[in-house]
Amino acid sequence: MRRKIRRLNLPDDDPLQGVANFFDLGVVFALGFLLALLVYLGLPELLERKDVTLVKNPGTPQMEILRRKGIRLERYRVTEEKLKGE
């Protein structure tokens, strides 16, 4: 009897097998969405090891300048203080 079942390739009764496939599909979908978002925003250079300067909210009081040099990331924020010097 066992030989006949093996020959027929009847599926095993494992109810969690389909859940694992959905999890794998979700991970692939999330990574694809993240990659598409980076390309859409025009930020693939952030993935490379180049020097990048990015200005967020230009012309507003919440403006920030992000500068990346190699692996170091510097953040500059705009303040209301005036610079003084001689």
C-alpha atoms as a PDB file:
ATOM      1  CA  MET A   1       0.000   0.000   0.000  1.00  0.00           C
ATOM      2  CA  ARG A   2       2.799   2.445   0.861  1.00  0.00           C
ATOM      3  CA  ARG A   3       4.444   1.929  -2.493  1.00  0.00           C
ATOM      4  CA  LYS A   4       1.252   2.890  -4.286  1.00  0.00           C
ATOM      5  CA  ILE A   5       0.948   6.153  -2.295  1.00  0.00           C
ATOM      6  CA  ARG A   6       4.525   7.134  -3.078  1.00  0.00           C
ATOM      7  CA  ARG A   7       3.954   6.488  -6.760  1.00  0.00           C
ATOM      8  CA  LEU A   8       0.849   8.675  -6.828  1.00  0.00           C
ATOM      9  CA  ASN A   9       2.693  11.684  -5.285  1.00  0.00           C
ATOM     10  CA  LEU A  10      -0.150  12.588  -2.992  1.00  0.00           C
ATOM     11  CA  PRO A  11       0.442  15.911  -1.173  1.00  0.00           C
ATOM     12  CA  ASP A  12       1.376  15.883   2.497  1.00  0.00           C
ATOM     13  CA  ASP A  13      -1.140  17.267   4.952  1.00  0.00           C
ATOM     14  CA  ASP A  14       0.899  20.281   6.157  1.00  0.00           C
ATOM     15  CA  PRO A  15      -1.396  23.308   6.622  1.00  0.00           C
ATOM     16  CA  LEU A  16       1.498  25.736   7.301  1.00  0.00           C
ATOM     17  CA  GLN A  17       3.262  25.099   4.015  1.00  0.00           C
ATOM     18  CA  GLY A  18       1.173  27.722   2.224  1.00  0.00           C
ATOM     19  CA  VAL A  19       1.790  30.318   4.956  1.00  0.00           C
ATOM     20  CA  ALA A  20       5.558  30.064   4.445  1.00  0.00           C
ATOM     21  CA  ASN A  21       5.094  30.709   0.744  1.00  0.00           C
ATOM     22  CA  PHE A  22       3.021  33.830   1.491  1.00  0.00           C
ATOM     23  CA  PHE A  23       5.735  35.106   3.848  1.00  0.00           C
ATOM     24  CA  ASP A  24       8.411  34.654   1.175  1.00  0.00           C
ATOM     25  CA  LEU A  25       6.224  36.415  -1.358  1.00  0.00           C
ATOM     26  CA  GLY A  26       5.678  39.317   1.072  1.00  0.00           C
ATOM     27  CA  VAL A  27       9.419  39.771   1.639  1.00  0.00           C
ATOM     28  CA  VAL A  28      10.116  39.806  -2.099  1.00  0.00           C
ATOM     29  CA  PHE A  29       7.274  42.274  -2.671  1.00  0.00           C
ATOM     30  CA  ALA A  30       8.522  44.610   0.093  1.00  0.00           C
ATOM     31  CA  LEU A  31      12.088  44.635  -1.242  1.00  0.00           C
ATOM     32  CA  GLY A  32      10.842  45.301  -4.767  1.00  0.00           C
ATOM     33  CA  PHE A  33       8.682  48.161  -3.518  1.00  0.00           C
ATOM     34  CA  LEU A  34      11.629  49.688  -1.631  1.00  0.00           C
ATOM     35  CA  LEU A  35      13.866  49.491  -4.688  1.00  0.00           C
ATOM     36  CA  ALA A  36      11.178  51.016  -6.922  1.00  0.00           C
ATOM     37  CA  LEU A  37      10.687  53.858  -4.420  1.00  0.00           C
ATOM     38  CA  LEU A  38      14.414  54.673  -4.363  1.00  0.00           C
ATOM     39  CA  VAL A  39      14.570  54.748  -8.156  1.00  0.00           C
ATOM     40  CA  TYR A  40      11.386  56.863  -8.373  1.00  0.00           C
ATOM     41  CA  LEU A  41      12.730  59.433  -5.924  1.00  0.00           C
ATOM     42  CA  GLY A  42      16.000  59.600  -7.838  1.00  0.00           C
ATOM     43  CA  LEU A  43      18.111  58.549  -4.862  1.00  0.00           C
ATOM     44  CA  PRO A  44      20.098  55.547  -6.128  1.00  0.00           C
ATOM     45  CA  GLU A  45      23.302  57.501  -5.502  1.00  0.00           C
ATOM     46  CA  LEU A  46      22.645  57.119  -1.765  1.00  0.00           C
ATOM     47  CA  LEU A  47      23.327  53.414  -2.176  1.00  0.00           C
ATOM     48  CA  GLU A  48      26.748  54.073  -3.698  1.00  0.00           C
ATOM     49  CA  ARG A  49      29.853  55.273  -1.863  1.00  0.00           C
ATOM     50  CA  LYS A  50      29.896  58.782  -3.304  1.00  0.00           C
ATOM     51  CA  ASP A  51      29.860  62.205  -1.696  1.00  0.00           C
ATOM     52  CA  VAL A  52      26.256  63.451  -1.700  1.00  0.00           C
ATOM     53  CA  THR A  53      24.625  66.678  -0.506  1.00  0.00           C
ATOM     54  CA  LEU A  54      20.856  66.714  -0.042  1.00  0.00           C
ATOM     55  CA  VAL A  55      18.684  69.722   0.881  1.00  0.00           C
ATOM     56  CA  LYS A  56      15.373  68.974   2.582  1.00  0.00           C
ATOM     57  CA  ASN A  57      12.561  71.573   2.662  1.00  0.00           C
ATOM     58  CA  PRO A  58      14.505  74.348   0.871  1.00  0.00           C
ATOM     59  CA  GLY A  59      13.497  77.910   1.732  1.00  0.00           C
ATOM     60  CA  THR A  60      11.514  76.997   4.847  1.00  0.00           C
ATOM     61  CA  PRO A  61      12.396  77.305   8.541  1.00  0.00           C
ATOM     62  CA  GLN A  62      12.614  73.498   8.718  1.00  0.00           C
ATOM     63  CA  MET A  63      15.330  73.347   6.043  1.00  0.00           C
ATOM     64  CA  GLU A  64      18.073  70.762   6.584  1.00  0.00           C
ATOM     65  CA  ILE A  65      21.258  70.055   4.670  1.00  0.00           C
ATOM     66  CA  LEU A  66      22.469  66.451   4.710  1.00  0.00           C
ATOM     67  CA  ARG A  67      26.037  65.869   3.540  1.00  0.00           C
ATOM     68  CA  ARG A  68      27.529  62.436   3.132  1.00  0.00           C
ATOM     69  CA  LYS A  69      31.272  62.031   2.769  1.00  0.00           C
ATOM     70  CA  GLY A  70      32.184  58.377   2.429  1.00  0.00           C
ATOM     71  CA  ILE A  71      30.465  56.685   5.363  1.00  0.00           C
ATOM     72  CA  ARG A  72      30.161  59.844   7.504  1.00  0.00           C
ATOM     73  CA  LEU A  73      26.827  61.683   7.491  1.00  0.00           C
ATOM     74  CA  GLU A  74      26.623  65.325   8.618  1.00  0.00           C
ATOM     75  CA  ARG A  75      23.381  67.184   9.313  1.00  0.00           C
ATOM     76  CA  TYR A  76      23.052  70.973   9.303  1.00  0.00           C
ATOM     77  CA  ARG A  77      19.891  72.774  10.417  1.00  0.00           C
ATOM     78  CA  VAL A  78      18.885  76.352   9.725  1.00  0.00           C
ATOM     79  CA  THR A  79      18.583  78.664  12.746  1.00  0.00           C
ATOM     80  CA  GLU A  80      17.309  82.210  13.190  1.00  0.00           C
ATOM     81  CA  GLU A  81      20.638  83.409  14.616  1.00  0.00           C
ATOM     82  CA  LYS A  82      22.688  85.834  12.536  1.00  0.00           C
ATOM     83  CA  LEU A  83      26.356  85.214  11.967  1.00  0.00           C
ATOM     84  CA  LYS A  84      28.791  87.805  13.325  1.00  0.00           C
ATOM     85  CA  GLY A  85      32.415  88.200  12.521  1.00  0.00           C
ATOM     86  CA  GLU A  86      35.212  90.652  12.040  1.00  0.00           C
END
